[in-house]
Amino acid sequence: MTKSISADEIKAMIGQVVGTSTWVEITQERVNTFAEATGDFQFIHVDPEKARLTPFGGTIAHGFLTLSLIPLLTAQSDCPRPEGIKMGVNYGGNRTRFLTPVRVGKRIRGVFKLLEMEEKRPGQWQQTMEITVEIEGEDKPALICEWISQLFI
């Protein structure tokens, strides 16, 4: 269950893992829909027969699909939210590394570590999270990124 606490209380959590999401399955349908949206139809994503012949042994999610699921993983996490939040918007990233391909049929989850929480102006906070997207049953994560959000309270 997500809890609402003050932005200052969240700021006091810098350096800590503040939440973990539920597991989300990467289906072929989700990968195909992403391919349609982005125009990225590389066979390793959308052609199970050809992809079976690669070292992946089947189709894999686009790296950008995995990255684009961060809002869903955040929404399905137990990360604390600032009390009275009106909206949050993506501001950008400091770094992103795609470490392990996510095979179709696998499940992923996000682990969120708070790196920064700074009030930029009254009612507007900038939050930087280190987000690790884990793959169920795998030793290495799918990706690690530092993601910046603007939170309006």
N, C-alpha and C. Protein backbone atom coordinates (compact mmCIF):
# COMPACT_ATOMS: atom_id res chain seq x y z
N MET A 1 0.85 -1.19 0.00
CA MET A 1 0.00 0.00 0.00
C MET A 1 0.88 1.24 0.00
N THR A 2 0.61 2.14 -0.90
CA THR A 2 1.35 3.38 -0.99
C THR A 2 0.93 4.31 0.14
N LYS A 3 1.94 4.94 0.73
CA LYS A 3 1.64 5.88 1.80
C LYS A 3 1.97 7.29 1.35
N SER A 4 1.20 8.25 1.86
CA SER A 4 1.46 9.65 1.60
C SER A 4 2.13 10.25 2.83
N ILE A 5 3.30 10.86 2.58
CA ILE A 5 4.02 11.53 3.65
C ILE A 5 4.51 12.88 3.12
N SER A 6 4.99 13.73 3.99
CA SER A 6 5.43 15.04 3.54
C SER A 6 6.67 14.91 2.66
N ALA A 7 6.87 15.89 1.81
CA ALA A 7 8.05 15.91 0.94
C ALA A 7 9.32 15.93 1.78
N ASP A 8 9.30 16.63 2.90
CA ASP A 8 10.47 16.66 3.78
C ASP A 8 10.76 15.28 4.38
N GLU A 9 9.71 14.52 4.69
CA GLU A 9 9.92 13.15 5.19
C GLU A 9 10.52 12.26 4.11
N ILE A 10 10.08 12.46 2.87
CA ILE A 10 10.68 11.71 1.76
C ILE A 10 12.14 12.10 1.62
N LYS A 11 12.43 13.40 1.71
CA LYS A 11 13.81 13.88 1.59
C LYS A 11 14.72 13.21 2.62
N ALA A 12 14.19 12.94 3.79
CA ALA A 12 14.98 12.29 4.85
C ALA A 12 15.34 10.84 4.49
N MET A 13 14.77 10.30 3.43
CA MET A 13 15.01 8.91 3.02
C MET A 13 16.09 8.80 1.93
N ILE A 14 16.77 9.90 1.61
CA ILE A 14 17.79 9.88 0.57
C ILE A 14 18.82 8.79 0.90
N GLY A 15 19.17 8.03 -0.13
CA GLY A 15 20.14 6.95 0.02
C GLY A 15 19.52 5.60 0.33
N GLN A 16 18.20 5.57 0.53
CA GLN A 16 17.52 4.33 0.89
C GLN A 16 16.69 3.79 -0.27
N VAL A 17 16.51 2.48 -0.29
CA VAL A 17 15.52 1.88 -1.17
C VAL A 17 14.17 2.21 -0.55
N VAL A 18 13.33 2.89 -1.32
CA VAL A 18 12.05 3.38 -0.78
C VAL A 18 10.85 2.62 -1.30
N GLY A 19 11.07 1.68 -2.24
CA GLY A 19 9.93 0.93 -2.72
C GLY A 19 10.30 -0.11 -3.75
N THR A 20 9.38 -1.05 -3.92
CA THR A 20 9.48 -2.12 -4.90
C THR A 20 8.10 -2.30 -5.52
N SER A 21 8.09 -2.54 -6.82
CA SER A 21 6.81 -2.73 -7.51
C SER A 21 6.40 -4.19 -7.47
N THR A 22 5.19 -4.42 -7.94
CA THR A 22 4.74 -5.79 -8.17
C THR A 22 5.40 -6.28 -9.46
N TRP A 23 5.30 -7.56 -9.73
CA TRP A 23 5.86 -8.14 -10.96
C TRP A 23 4.91 -7.88 -12.12
N VAL A 24 5.48 -7.58 -13.29
CA VAL A 24 4.72 -7.33 -14.52
C VAL A 24 5.26 -8.26 -15.59
N GLU A 25 4.36 -9.01 -16.24
CA GLU A 25 4.77 -9.95 -17.28
C GLU A 25 4.98 -9.22 -18.61
N ILE A 26 6.04 -9.60 -19.28
CA ILE A 26 6.31 -9.09 -20.62
C ILE A 26 5.75 -10.10 -21.62
N THR A 27 4.65 -9.75 -22.23
CA THR A 27 3.98 -10.64 -23.19
C THR A 27 4.37 -10.27 -24.62
N GLN A 28 4.19 -11.22 -25.53
CA GLN A 28 4.45 -10.92 -26.94
C GLN A 28 3.50 -9.84 -27.43
N GLU A 29 2.27 -9.86 -26.95
CA GLU A 29 1.30 -8.83 -27.36
C GLU A 29 1.80 -7.43 -26.97
N ARG A 30 2.35 -7.29 -25.76
CA ARG A 30 2.87 -5.98 -25.31
C ARG A 30 4.04 -5.56 -26.20
N VAL A 31 4.93 -6.50 -26.53
CA VAL A 31 6.08 -6.21 -27.38
C VAL A 31 5.61 -5.80 -28.78
N ASN A 32 4.64 -6.52 -29.34
CA ASN A 32 4.12 -6.19 -30.67
C ASN A 32 3.46 -4.82 -30.68
N THR A 33 2.72 -4.52 -29.64
CA THR A 33 2.05 -3.21 -29.54
C THR A 33 3.09 -2.09 -29.48
N PHE A 34 4.16 -2.32 -28.73
CA PHE A 34 5.24 -1.33 -28.66
C PHE A 34 5.91 -1.16 -30.03
N ALA A 35 6.12 -2.27 -30.74
CA ALA A 35 6.70 -2.21 -32.08
C ALA A 35 5.81 -1.36 -33.00
N GLU A 36 4.50 -1.57 -32.91
CA GLU A 36 3.57 -0.78 -33.72
C GLU A 36 3.68 0.71 -33.38
N ALA A 37 3.78 1.01 -32.10
CA ALA A 37 3.82 2.42 -31.67
C ALA A 37 5.12 3.11 -32.08
N THR A 38 6.22 2.36 -32.12
CA THR A 38 7.52 2.98 -32.36
C THR A 38 8.09 2.73 -33.75
N GLY A 39 7.52 1.78 -34.49
CA GLY A 39 8.06 1.44 -35.80
C GLY A 39 9.31 0.57 -35.73
N ASP A 40 9.62 0.02 -34.56
CA ASP A 40 10.79 -0.84 -34.39
C ASP A 40 10.36 -2.30 -34.49
N PHE A 41 10.48 -2.84 -35.70
CA PHE A 41 10.03 -4.21 -35.96
C PHE A 41 11.19 -5.19 -36.12
N GLN A 42 12.33 -4.90 -35.47
CA GLN A 42 13.46 -5.81 -35.57
C GLN A 42 13.01 -7.22 -35.18
N PHE A 43 13.44 -8.21 -35.95
CA PHE A 43 12.93 -9.57 -35.78
C PHE A 43 13.13 -10.13 -34.38
N ILE A 44 14.17 -9.70 -33.66
CA ILE A 44 14.39 -10.25 -32.32
C ILE A 44 13.26 -9.89 -31.35
N HIS A 45 12.42 -8.93 -31.76
CA HIS A 45 11.29 -8.53 -30.93
C HIS A 45 9.97 -9.15 -31.40
N VAL A 46 9.80 -9.28 -32.71
CA VAL A 46 8.46 -9.59 -33.23
C VAL A 46 8.34 -10.90 -34.03
N ASP A 47 9.44 -11.58 -34.27
CA ASP A 47 9.38 -12.82 -35.06
C ASP A 47 9.90 -13.99 -34.23
N PRO A 48 9.00 -14.68 -33.51
CA PRO A 48 9.43 -15.77 -32.62
C PRO A 48 10.23 -16.86 -33.32
N GLU A 49 9.92 -17.17 -34.57
CA GLU A 49 10.63 -18.24 -35.29
C GLU A 49 12.09 -17.86 -35.54
N LYS A 50 12.31 -16.67 -36.10
CA LYS A 50 13.68 -16.22 -36.35
C LYS A 50 14.43 -15.98 -35.04
N ALA A 51 13.75 -15.40 -34.06
CA ALA A 51 14.40 -15.08 -32.78
C ALA A 51 14.82 -16.34 -32.04
N ARG A 52 14.13 -17.44 -32.28
CA ARG A 52 14.49 -18.72 -31.64
C ARG A 52 15.89 -19.16 -32.06
N LEU A 53 16.34 -18.72 -33.24
CA LEU A 53 17.64 -19.11 -33.76
C LEU A 53 18.79 -18.25 -33.24
N THR A 54 18.48 -17.23 -32.45
CA THR A 54 19.50 -16.34 -31.90
C THR A 54 19.95 -16.84 -30.52
N PRO A 55 20.99 -16.27 -29.98
CA PRO A 55 21.41 -16.64 -28.63
C PRO A 55 20.34 -16.37 -27.56
N PHE A 56 19.35 -15.54 -27.87
CA PHE A 56 18.27 -15.24 -26.91
C PHE A 56 17.29 -16.41 -26.81
N GLY A 57 17.22 -17.24 -27.84
CA GLY A 57 16.33 -18.39 -27.83
C GLY A 57 14.87 -18.06 -28.00
N GLY A 58 14.57 -16.83 -28.33
CA GLY A 58 13.20 -16.38 -28.53
C GLY A 58 13.15 -14.86 -28.56
N THR A 59 11.96 -14.33 -28.65
CA THR A 59 11.82 -12.88 -28.74
C THR A 59 12.14 -12.22 -27.40
N ILE A 60 12.61 -10.97 -27.50
CA ILE A 60 12.95 -10.17 -26.33
C ILE A 60 12.24 -8.82 -26.43
N ALA A 61 12.02 -8.21 -25.28
CA ALA A 61 11.43 -6.88 -25.23
C ALA A 61 12.43 -5.85 -25.75
N HIS A 62 11.92 -4.81 -26.36
CA HIS A 62 12.75 -3.67 -26.71
C HIS A 62 13.30 -3.07 -25.41
N GLY A 63 14.54 -2.62 -25.42
CA GLY A 63 15.07 -1.94 -24.24
C GLY A 63 14.22 -0.73 -23.88
N PHE A 64 13.79 0.01 -24.91
CA PHE A 64 12.97 1.19 -24.63
C PHE A 64 11.58 0.83 -24.12
N LEU A 65 11.08 -0.36 -24.45
CA LEU A 65 9.82 -0.82 -23.85
C LEU A 65 10.02 -1.00 -22.36
N THR A 66 11.09 -1.68 -21.98
CA THR A 66 11.37 -1.89 -20.56
C THR A 66 11.49 -0.55 -19.85
N LEU A 67 12.21 0.39 -20.44
CA LEU A 67 12.36 1.72 -19.85
C LEU A 67 11.00 2.42 -19.75
N SER A 68 10.18 2.27 -20.78
CA SER A 68 8.89 2.98 -20.80
C SER A 68 7.90 2.42 -19.78
N LEU A 69 8.18 1.26 -19.22
CA LEU A 69 7.30 0.69 -18.20
C LEU A 69 7.56 1.26 -16.80
N ILE A 70 8.54 2.14 -16.68
CA ILE A 70 8.84 2.73 -15.36
C ILE A 70 7.61 3.42 -14.75
N PRO A 71 6.81 4.19 -15.50
CA PRO A 71 5.62 4.78 -14.86
C PRO A 71 4.66 3.72 -14.31
N LEU A 72 4.47 2.62 -15.03
CA LEU A 72 3.62 1.54 -14.55
C LEU A 72 4.22 0.91 -13.30
N LEU A 73 5.52 0.63 -13.33
CA LEU A 73 6.17 0.03 -12.17
C LEU A 73 6.11 0.96 -10.97
N THR A 74 6.26 2.25 -11.21
CA THR A 74 6.15 3.22 -10.12
C THR A 74 4.75 3.21 -9.53
N ALA A 75 3.74 3.22 -10.40
CA ALA A 75 2.35 3.22 -9.93
C ALA A 75 2.02 1.97 -9.14
N GLN A 76 2.67 0.85 -9.50
CA GLN A 76 2.40 -0.42 -8.81
C GLN A 76 3.39 -0.69 -7.68
N SER A 77 4.08 0.36 -7.24
CA SER A 77 5.07 0.19 -6.17
C SER A 77 4.51 0.71 -4.85
N ASP A 78 5.28 0.44 -3.81
CA ASP A 78 4.94 0.95 -2.48
C ASP A 78 5.78 2.18 -2.14
N CYS A 79 6.30 2.87 -3.15
CA CYS A 79 7.06 4.10 -2.91
C CYS A 79 6.16 5.14 -2.25
N PRO A 80 6.68 5.86 -1.27
CA PRO A 80 5.86 6.92 -0.66
C PRO A 80 5.62 8.05 -1.66
N ARG A 81 4.45 8.63 -1.57
CA ARG A 81 4.08 9.77 -2.42
C ARG A 81 3.96 11.02 -1.54
N PRO A 82 4.36 12.17 -2.07
CA PRO A 82 4.21 13.39 -1.26
C PRO A 82 2.74 13.71 -1.00
N GLU A 83 2.45 14.07 0.21
CA GLU A 83 1.08 14.48 0.56
C GLU A 83 0.67 15.65 -0.32
N GLY A 84 -0.55 15.61 -0.81
CA GLY A 84 -1.09 16.72 -1.59
C GLY A 84 -0.54 16.84 -3.00
N ILE A 85 0.08 15.78 -3.50
CA ILE A 85 0.65 15.86 -4.85
C ILE A 85 -0.47 16.07 -5.87
N LYS A 86 -0.24 17.04 -6.76
CA LYS A 86 -1.20 17.34 -7.83
C LYS A 86 -0.83 16.62 -9.11
N MET A 87 0.48 16.56 -9.39
CA MET A 87 0.95 15.84 -10.57
C MET A 87 2.45 15.65 -10.48
N GLY A 88 2.91 14.67 -11.25
CA GLY A 88 4.33 14.43 -11.42
C GLY A 88 4.61 14.34 -12.91
N VAL A 89 5.74 14.88 -13.33
CA VAL A 89 6.10 14.83 -14.74
C VAL A 89 7.55 14.34 -14.89
N ASN A 90 7.80 13.64 -15.97
CA ASN A 90 9.16 13.20 -16.27
C ASN A 90 10.01 14.41 -16.62
N TYR A 91 11.21 14.47 -16.08
CA TYR A 91 12.13 15.56 -16.37
C TYR A 91 13.31 15.07 -17.20
N GLY A 92 13.69 13.81 -17.02
CA GLY A 92 14.78 13.25 -17.80
C GLY A 92 15.58 12.26 -17.01
N GLY A 93 16.68 11.84 -17.60
CA GLY A 93 17.53 10.87 -16.94
C GLY A 93 18.98 11.29 -16.96
N ASN A 94 19.71 10.87 -15.94
CA ASN A 94 21.15 11.13 -15.89
C ASN A 94 21.93 10.03 -16.58
N ARG A 95 21.46 8.80 -16.46
CA ARG A 95 22.12 7.68 -17.12
C ARG A 95 21.14 6.52 -17.21
N THR A 96 21.31 5.74 -18.24
CA THR A 96 20.51 4.53 -18.41
C THR A 96 21.43 3.47 -19.00
N ARG A 97 21.38 2.28 -18.42
CA ARG A 97 22.17 1.16 -18.93
C ARG A 97 21.26 -0.05 -19.08
N PHE A 98 21.21 -0.60 -20.29
CA PHE A 98 20.46 -1.82 -20.57
C PHE A 98 21.44 -2.98 -20.36
N LEU A 99 21.22 -3.78 -19.33
CA LEU A 99 22.19 -4.79 -18.93
C LEU A 99 21.87 -6.20 -19.39
N THR A 100 20.59 -6.57 -19.36
CA THR A 100 20.19 -7.92 -19.72
C THR A 100 18.89 -7.86 -20.52
N PRO A 101 18.81 -8.54 -21.65
CA PRO A 101 17.55 -8.56 -22.41
C PRO A 101 16.45 -9.25 -21.60
N VAL A 102 15.23 -8.76 -21.77
CA VAL A 102 14.07 -9.37 -21.11
C VAL A 102 13.38 -10.26 -22.14
N ARG A 103 13.43 -11.55 -21.90
CA ARG A 103 12.79 -12.49 -22.81
C ARG A 103 11.27 -12.44 -22.62
N VAL A 104 10.56 -12.55 -23.73
CA VAL A 104 9.10 -12.58 -23.67
C VAL A 104 8.67 -13.75 -22.78
N GLY A 105 7.71 -13.48 -21.91
CA GLY A 105 7.23 -14.47 -20.95
C GLY A 105 7.81 -14.28 -19.56
N LYS A 106 8.88 -13.49 -19.45
CA LYS A 106 9.48 -13.21 -18.15
C LYS A 106 8.70 -12.09 -17.46
N ARG A 107 8.92 -11.97 -16.15
CA ARG A 107 8.31 -10.89 -15.38
C ARG A 107 9.40 -9.96 -14.86
N ILE A 108 9.06 -8.67 -14.80
CA ILE A 108 10.00 -7.66 -14.31
C ILE A 108 9.36 -6.91 -13.14
N ARG A 109 10.22 -6.28 -12.35
CA ARG A 109 9.74 -5.37 -11.30
C ARG A 109 10.77 -4.27 -11.11
N GLY A 110 10.31 -3.17 -10.54
CA GLY A 110 11.19 -2.04 -10.27
C GLY A 110 11.56 -1.98 -8.80
N VAL A 111 12.82 -1.63 -8.54
CA VAL A 111 13.29 -1.35 -7.19
C VAL A 111 13.79 0.09 -7.21
N PHE A 112 13.28 0.91 -6.29
CA PHE A 112 13.47 2.34 -6.33
C PHE A 112 14.30 2.82 -5.14
N LYS A 113 15.45 3.46 -5.46
CA LYS A 113 16.32 4.02 -4.43
C LYS A 113 16.34 5.53 -4.62
N LEU A 114 16.02 6.26 -3.56
CA LEU A 114 15.97 7.72 -3.63
C LEU A 114 17.38 8.29 -3.57
N LEU A 115 17.75 9.04 -4.61
CA LEU A 115 19.07 9.67 -4.66
C LEU A 115 19.02 11.14 -4.26
N GLU A 116 17.98 11.85 -4.69
CA GLU A 116 17.85 13.28 -4.40
C GLU A 116 16.39 13.66 -4.26
N MET A 117 16.13 14.65 -3.44
CA MET A 117 14.80 15.23 -3.29
C MET A 117 15.02 16.68 -2.91
N GLU A 118 14.78 17.56 -3.88
CA GLU A 118 15.12 18.97 -3.69
C GLU A 118 13.94 19.86 -4.07
N GLU A 119 13.64 20.82 -3.19
CA GLU A 119 12.58 21.78 -3.50
C GLU A 119 13.16 22.85 -4.41
N LYS A 120 12.67 22.91 -5.64
CA LYS A 120 13.17 23.86 -6.63
C LYS A 120 12.54 25.25 -6.47
N ARG A 121 11.27 25.24 -6.11
CA ARG A 121 10.51 26.47 -5.80
C ARG A 121 9.35 26.02 -4.95
N PRO A 122 8.66 26.93 -4.28
CA PRO A 122 7.57 26.48 -3.41
C PRO A 122 6.56 25.60 -4.15
N GLY A 123 6.35 24.40 -3.62
CA GLY A 123 5.39 23.47 -4.19
C GLY A 123 5.90 22.65 -5.36
N GLN A 124 7.17 22.83 -5.74
CA GLN A 124 7.74 22.05 -6.85
C GLN A 124 9.03 21.39 -6.38
N TRP A 125 9.00 20.07 -6.38
CA TRP A 125 10.14 19.28 -5.93
C TRP A 125 10.72 18.51 -7.10
N GLN A 126 12.04 18.34 -7.09
CA GLN A 126 12.71 17.50 -8.07
C GLN A 126 13.23 16.26 -7.35
N GLN A 127 12.82 15.11 -7.85
CA GLN A 127 13.18 13.84 -7.23
C GLN A 127 14.01 13.03 -8.23
N THR A 128 15.14 12.51 -7.77
CA THR A 128 15.96 11.62 -8.59
C THR A 128 15.98 10.25 -7.94
N MET A 129 15.60 9.25 -8.72
CA MET A 129 15.58 7.87 -8.26
C MET A 129 16.56 7.04 -9.07
N GLU A 130 17.24 6.13 -8.39
CA GLU A 130 17.94 5.07 -9.10
C GLU A 130 16.94 3.93 -9.20
N ILE A 131 16.62 3.55 -10.42
CA ILE A 131 15.62 2.51 -10.63
C ILE A 131 16.32 1.30 -11.24
N THR A 132 16.17 0.19 -10.57
CA THR A 132 16.69 -1.08 -11.06
C THR A 132 15.50 -1.92 -11.49
N VAL A 133 15.48 -2.32 -12.75
CA VAL A 133 14.42 -3.19 -13.24
C VAL A 133 14.96 -4.62 -13.21
N GLU A 134 14.45 -5.39 -12.28
CA GLU A 134 14.88 -6.77 -12.10
C GLU A 134 14.05 -7.70 -12.98
N ILE A 135 14.67 -8.82 -13.36
CA ILE A 135 13.99 -9.87 -14.11
C ILE A 135 13.86 -11.07 -13.18
N GLU A 136 12.65 -11.54 -13.02
CA GLU A 136 12.42 -12.67 -12.11
C GLU A 136 13.27 -13.87 -12.53
N GLY A 137 14.01 -14.42 -11.58
CA GLY A 137 14.83 -15.60 -11.83
C GLY A 137 16.18 -15.33 -12.48
N GLU A 138 16.51 -14.07 -12.74
CA GLU A 138 17.79 -13.71 -13.37
C GLU A 138 18.70 -13.04 -12.34
N ASP A 139 20.01 -13.25 -12.50
CA ASP A 139 20.98 -12.64 -11.59
C ASP A 139 21.20 -11.16 -11.89
N LYS A 140 21.24 -10.82 -13.18
CA LYS A 140 21.50 -9.44 -13.57
C LYS A 140 20.19 -8.73 -13.91
N PRO A 141 20.08 -7.44 -13.59
CA PRO A 141 18.87 -6.70 -13.92
C PRO A 141 18.77 -6.40 -15.41
N ALA A 142 17.56 -6.07 -15.83
CA ALA A 142 17.33 -5.65 -17.22
C ALA A 142 17.97 -4.30 -17.47
N LEU A 143 17.78 -3.39 -16.53
CA LEU A 143 18.35 -2.05 -16.69
C LEU A 143 18.49 -1.39 -15.33
N ILE A 144 19.36 -0.39 -15.33
CA ILE A 144 19.51 0.52 -14.18
C ILE A 144 19.52 1.92 -14.77
N CYS A 145 18.77 2.81 -14.16
CA CYS A 145 18.78 4.19 -14.62
C CYS A 145 18.63 5.14 -13.44
N GLU A 146 19.06 6.36 -13.65
CA GLU A 146 18.76 7.46 -12.73
C GLU A 146 17.70 8.29 -13.42
N TRP A 147 16.53 8.38 -12.81
CA TRP A 147 15.43 9.07 -13.44
C TRP A 147 14.99 10.25 -12.57
N ILE A 148 14.74 11.36 -13.23
CA ILE A 148 14.38 12.62 -12.55
C ILE A 148 12.92 12.94 -12.84
N SER A 149 12.20 13.26 -11.79
CA SER A 149 10.78 13.66 -11.90
C SER A 149 10.60 15.00 -11.22
N GLN A 150 9.68 15.77 -11.75
CA GLN A 150 9.25 17.00 -11.11
C GLN A 150 7.89 16.69 -10.44
N LEU A 151 7.80 16.99 -9.17
CA LEU A 151 6.58 16.71 -8.40
C LEU A 151 5.97 18.05 -7.98
N PHE A 152 4.68 18.22 -8.29
CA PHE A 152 3.99 19.48 -7.98
C PHE A 152 2.99 19.21 -6.86
N ILE A 153 3.15 19.96 -5.77
CA ILE A 153 2.36 19.75 -4.56
C ILE A 153 1.49 20.98 -4.29
